[in-house]
Amino acid sequence: MPNRVFVDSNVWVYLFLQDDRKKYEIAEEFLSGGLNSTIVISYQVANEVSNVLLKHGYSEAEVRESIERLFKICALQ
């Protein structure tokens, strides 16, 4: 059984917003650092990320595109 790693909404927010350079770099390194695991998110994570992105000026289309990318690379739990 492959390893599964749950990634909280904060990591995705840091990655998408890039407003805090250090947090963005940590999130990017964590996610691209060769996780030899399946990345798992929940619908709650998707909803939280959507809300934060909308509050930061993302359009509904941009939010939809971002969440669709998450669903392509992550397993839902």
N, C-alpha and C. Protein backbone atom coordinates (compact mmCIF):
# COMPACT_ATOMS: atom_id res chain seq x y z
N MET A 1 0.85 -1.19 0.00
CA MET A 1 0.00 0.00 0.00
C MET A 1 0.89 1.25 0.00
N PRO A 2 0.65 2.17 -0.93
CA PRO A 2 1.49 3.36 -0.98
C PRO A 2 1.25 4.27 0.22
N ASN A 3 2.27 5.02 0.56
CA ASN A 3 2.13 5.99 1.64
C ASN A 3 1.18 7.09 1.20
N ARG A 4 0.43 7.60 2.15
CA ARG A 4 -0.50 8.69 1.88
C ARG A 4 -0.15 9.85 2.81
N VAL A 5 -0.07 11.04 2.24
CA VAL A 5 0.27 12.22 3.01
C VAL A 5 -0.86 13.23 2.86
N PHE A 6 -1.50 13.57 3.99
CA PHE A 6 -2.56 14.57 3.98
C PHE A 6 -1.92 15.95 4.01
N VAL A 7 -2.30 16.81 3.07
CA VAL A 7 -1.75 18.16 3.00
C VAL A 7 -2.87 19.15 3.32
N ASP A 8 -2.66 19.90 4.38
CA ASP A 8 -3.65 20.85 4.88
C ASP A 8 -3.80 22.06 3.95
N SER A 9 -4.90 22.76 4.10
CA SER A 9 -5.20 23.90 3.25
C SER A 9 -4.15 25.00 3.32
N ASN A 10 -3.53 25.20 4.47
CA ASN A 10 -2.53 26.26 4.59
C ASN A 10 -1.39 26.08 3.60
N VAL A 11 -0.96 24.87 3.39
CA VAL A 11 0.14 24.62 2.45
C VAL A 11 -0.26 25.05 1.04
N TRP A 12 -1.48 24.70 0.65
CA TRP A 12 -1.96 25.07 -0.69
C TRP A 12 -2.13 26.58 -0.81
N VAL A 13 -2.63 27.23 0.24
CA VAL A 13 -2.79 28.68 0.22
C VAL A 13 -1.44 29.36 0.05
N TYR A 14 -0.43 28.92 0.80
CA TYR A 14 0.91 29.49 0.66
C TYR A 14 1.42 29.31 -0.76
N LEU A 15 1.14 28.16 -1.35
CA LEU A 15 1.61 27.87 -2.70
C LEU A 15 0.90 28.74 -3.73
N PHE A 16 -0.42 28.87 -3.62
CA PHE A 16 -1.17 29.64 -4.61
C PHE A 16 -0.96 31.14 -4.47
N LEU A 17 -0.99 31.67 -3.26
CA LEU A 17 -0.94 33.12 -3.08
C LEU A 17 0.46 33.70 -3.24
N GLN A 18 1.44 32.99 -2.79
CA GLN A 18 2.84 33.44 -2.88
C GLN A 18 3.07 34.82 -2.26
N ASP A 19 2.25 35.19 -1.27
CA ASP A 19 2.41 36.51 -0.66
C ASP A 19 3.44 36.53 0.46
N ASP A 20 3.80 35.39 0.96
CA ASP A 20 4.87 35.26 1.95
C ASP A 20 5.93 34.36 1.32
N ARG A 21 7.00 34.97 0.86
CA ARG A 21 8.01 34.25 0.07
C ARG A 21 8.55 33.02 0.79
N LYS A 22 8.85 33.16 2.08
CA LYS A 22 9.43 32.04 2.83
C LYS A 22 8.44 30.88 2.92
N LYS A 23 7.18 31.18 3.24
CA LYS A 23 6.17 30.12 3.34
C LYS A 23 5.92 29.49 1.98
N TYR A 24 5.92 30.30 0.92
CA TYR A 24 5.76 29.77 -0.43
C TYR A 24 6.89 28.79 -0.75
N GLU A 25 8.12 29.19 -0.46
CA GLU A 25 9.27 28.33 -0.77
C GLU A 25 9.22 27.02 0.02
N ILE A 26 8.80 27.09 1.27
CA ILE A 26 8.69 25.86 2.08
C ILE A 26 7.61 24.95 1.50
N ALA A 27 6.46 25.53 1.15
CA ALA A 27 5.37 24.73 0.57
C ALA A 27 5.80 24.11 -0.75
N GLU A 28 6.45 24.90 -1.59
CA GLU A 28 6.90 24.40 -2.88
C GLU A 28 7.93 23.29 -2.72
N GLU A 29 8.87 23.49 -1.82
CA GLU A 29 9.89 22.47 -1.58
C GLU A 29 9.26 21.18 -1.03
N PHE A 30 8.32 21.33 -0.13
CA PHE A 30 7.65 20.17 0.45
C PHE A 30 6.92 19.37 -0.61
N LEU A 31 6.16 20.07 -1.46
CA LEU A 31 5.32 19.39 -2.44
C LEU A 31 6.12 18.88 -3.64
N SER A 32 7.20 19.52 -3.97
CA SER A 32 7.99 19.08 -5.12
C SER A 32 9.23 18.30 -4.71
N GLY A 33 9.38 18.09 -3.41
CA GLY A 33 10.58 17.44 -2.88
C GLY A 33 10.61 15.95 -3.04
N GLY A 34 9.90 15.44 -4.01
CA GLY A 34 9.95 14.00 -4.25
C GLY A 34 9.19 13.19 -3.24
N LEU A 35 8.04 13.71 -2.82
CA LEU A 35 7.20 12.91 -1.93
C LEU A 35 6.93 11.58 -2.61
N ASN A 36 7.35 10.55 -2.01
CA ASN A 36 7.13 9.22 -2.58
C ASN A 36 5.82 8.67 -2.01
N SER A 37 4.81 9.53 -2.06
CA SER A 37 3.53 9.21 -1.43
C SER A 37 2.40 9.79 -2.27
N THR A 38 1.21 9.31 -2.00
CA THR A 38 0.02 9.88 -2.60
C THR A 38 -0.39 11.08 -1.74
N ILE A 39 -0.57 12.22 -2.39
CA ILE A 39 -1.02 13.42 -1.67
C ILE A 39 -2.53 13.34 -1.54
N VAL A 40 -3.00 13.55 -0.31
CA VAL A 40 -4.43 13.43 -0.01
C VAL A 40 -4.96 14.78 0.49
N ILE A 41 -6.14 15.14 0.00
CA ILE A 41 -6.84 16.32 0.52
C ILE A 41 -8.29 15.90 0.77
N SER A 42 -9.00 16.74 1.49
CA SER A 42 -10.43 16.52 1.72
C SER A 42 -11.21 17.61 1.00
N TYR A 43 -12.51 17.41 0.91
CA TYR A 43 -13.35 18.46 0.33
C TYR A 43 -13.28 19.72 1.19
N GLN A 44 -13.10 19.55 2.49
CA GLN A 44 -12.97 20.72 3.37
C GLN A 44 -11.74 21.54 2.99
N VAL A 45 -10.64 20.88 2.67
CA VAL A 45 -9.43 21.59 2.23
C VAL A 45 -9.74 22.37 0.96
N ALA A 46 -10.41 21.73 0.00
CA ALA A 46 -10.76 22.41 -1.25
C ALA A 46 -11.64 23.63 -0.98
N ASN A 47 -12.60 23.50 -0.08
CA ASN A 47 -13.48 24.63 0.25
C ASN A 47 -12.72 25.75 0.93
N GLU A 48 -11.84 25.41 1.87
CA GLU A 48 -11.06 26.44 2.56
C GLU A 48 -10.15 27.19 1.60
N VAL A 49 -9.48 26.45 0.72
CA VAL A 49 -8.60 27.09 -0.27
C VAL A 49 -9.43 28.00 -1.17
N SER A 50 -10.59 27.52 -1.62
CA SER A 50 -11.46 28.34 -2.48
C SER A 50 -11.84 29.65 -1.81
N ASN A 51 -12.26 29.57 -0.55
CA ASN A 51 -12.66 30.78 0.18
C ASN A 51 -11.52 31.77 0.32
N VAL A 52 -10.34 31.29 0.65
CA VAL A 52 -9.19 32.19 0.82
C VAL A 52 -8.82 32.83 -0.52
N LEU A 53 -8.81 32.04 -1.58
CA LEU A 53 -8.47 32.60 -2.89
C LEU A 53 -9.48 33.66 -3.32
N LEU A 54 -10.77 33.41 -3.09
CA LEU A 54 -11.78 34.42 -3.42
C LEU A 54 -11.58 35.70 -2.63
N LYS A 55 -11.25 35.56 -1.35
CA LYS A 55 -11.03 36.74 -0.50
C LYS A 55 -9.80 37.53 -0.94
N HIS A 56 -8.87 36.86 -1.62
CA HIS A 56 -7.65 37.53 -2.09
C HIS A 56 -7.76 37.97 -3.55
N GLY A 57 -8.97 38.03 -4.07
CA GLY A 57 -9.18 38.62 -5.39
C GLY A 57 -9.15 37.68 -6.57
N TYR A 58 -9.05 36.39 -6.34
CA TYR A 58 -9.13 35.45 -7.46
C TYR A 58 -10.56 35.47 -8.00
N SER A 59 -10.71 35.37 -9.31
CA SER A 59 -12.04 35.26 -9.90
C SER A 59 -12.57 33.85 -9.67
N GLU A 60 -13.87 33.67 -9.86
CA GLU A 60 -14.45 32.33 -9.70
C GLU A 60 -13.81 31.35 -10.69
N ALA A 61 -13.52 31.80 -11.89
CA ALA A 61 -12.89 30.94 -12.89
C ALA A 61 -11.48 30.53 -12.45
N GLU A 62 -10.74 31.46 -11.89
CA GLU A 62 -9.39 31.15 -11.41
C GLU A 62 -9.42 30.16 -10.25
N VAL A 63 -10.39 30.35 -9.36
CA VAL A 63 -10.53 29.43 -8.23
C VAL A 63 -10.90 28.04 -8.75
N ARG A 64 -11.83 27.97 -9.65
CA ARG A 64 -12.26 26.68 -10.22
C ARG A 64 -11.07 25.98 -10.86
N GLU A 65 -10.28 26.70 -11.63
CA GLU A 65 -9.11 26.13 -12.29
C GLU A 65 -8.09 25.62 -11.25
N SER A 66 -7.88 26.39 -10.20
CA SER A 66 -6.93 26.00 -9.15
C SER A 66 -7.39 24.73 -8.44
N ILE A 67 -8.66 24.66 -8.11
CA ILE A 67 -9.20 23.49 -7.41
C ILE A 67 -9.20 22.27 -8.33
N GLU A 68 -9.49 22.47 -9.60
CA GLU A 68 -9.42 21.35 -10.55
C GLU A 68 -8.01 20.79 -10.64
N ARG A 69 -7.00 21.66 -10.58
CA ARG A 69 -5.61 21.18 -10.57
C ARG A 69 -5.34 20.35 -9.32
N LEU A 70 -5.87 20.80 -8.18
CA LEU A 70 -5.69 20.02 -6.95
C LEU A 70 -6.30 18.63 -7.09
N PHE A 71 -7.50 18.57 -7.65
CA PHE A 71 -8.18 17.28 -7.80
C PHE A 71 -7.44 16.35 -8.75
N LYS A 72 -6.68 16.92 -9.70
CA LYS A 72 -5.93 16.09 -10.63
C LYS A 72 -4.68 15.47 -9.99
N ILE A 73 -4.09 16.18 -9.03
CA ILE A 73 -2.83 15.69 -8.46
C ILE A 73 -2.99 15.07 -7.08
N CYS A 74 -4.18 15.17 -6.51
CA CYS A 74 -4.41 14.68 -5.15
C CYS A 74 -5.54 13.65 -5.13
N ALA A 75 -5.44 12.76 -4.17
CA ALA A 75 -6.55 11.85 -3.89
C ALA A 75 -7.47 12.51 -2.89
N LEU A 76 -8.76 12.29 -3.04
CA LEU A 76 -9.73 12.84 -2.09
C LEU A 76 -10.01 11.84 -0.98
N GLN A 77 -10.08 12.35 0.21
CA GLN A 77 -10.34 11.49 1.38
C GLN A 77 -11.66 11.85 1.97
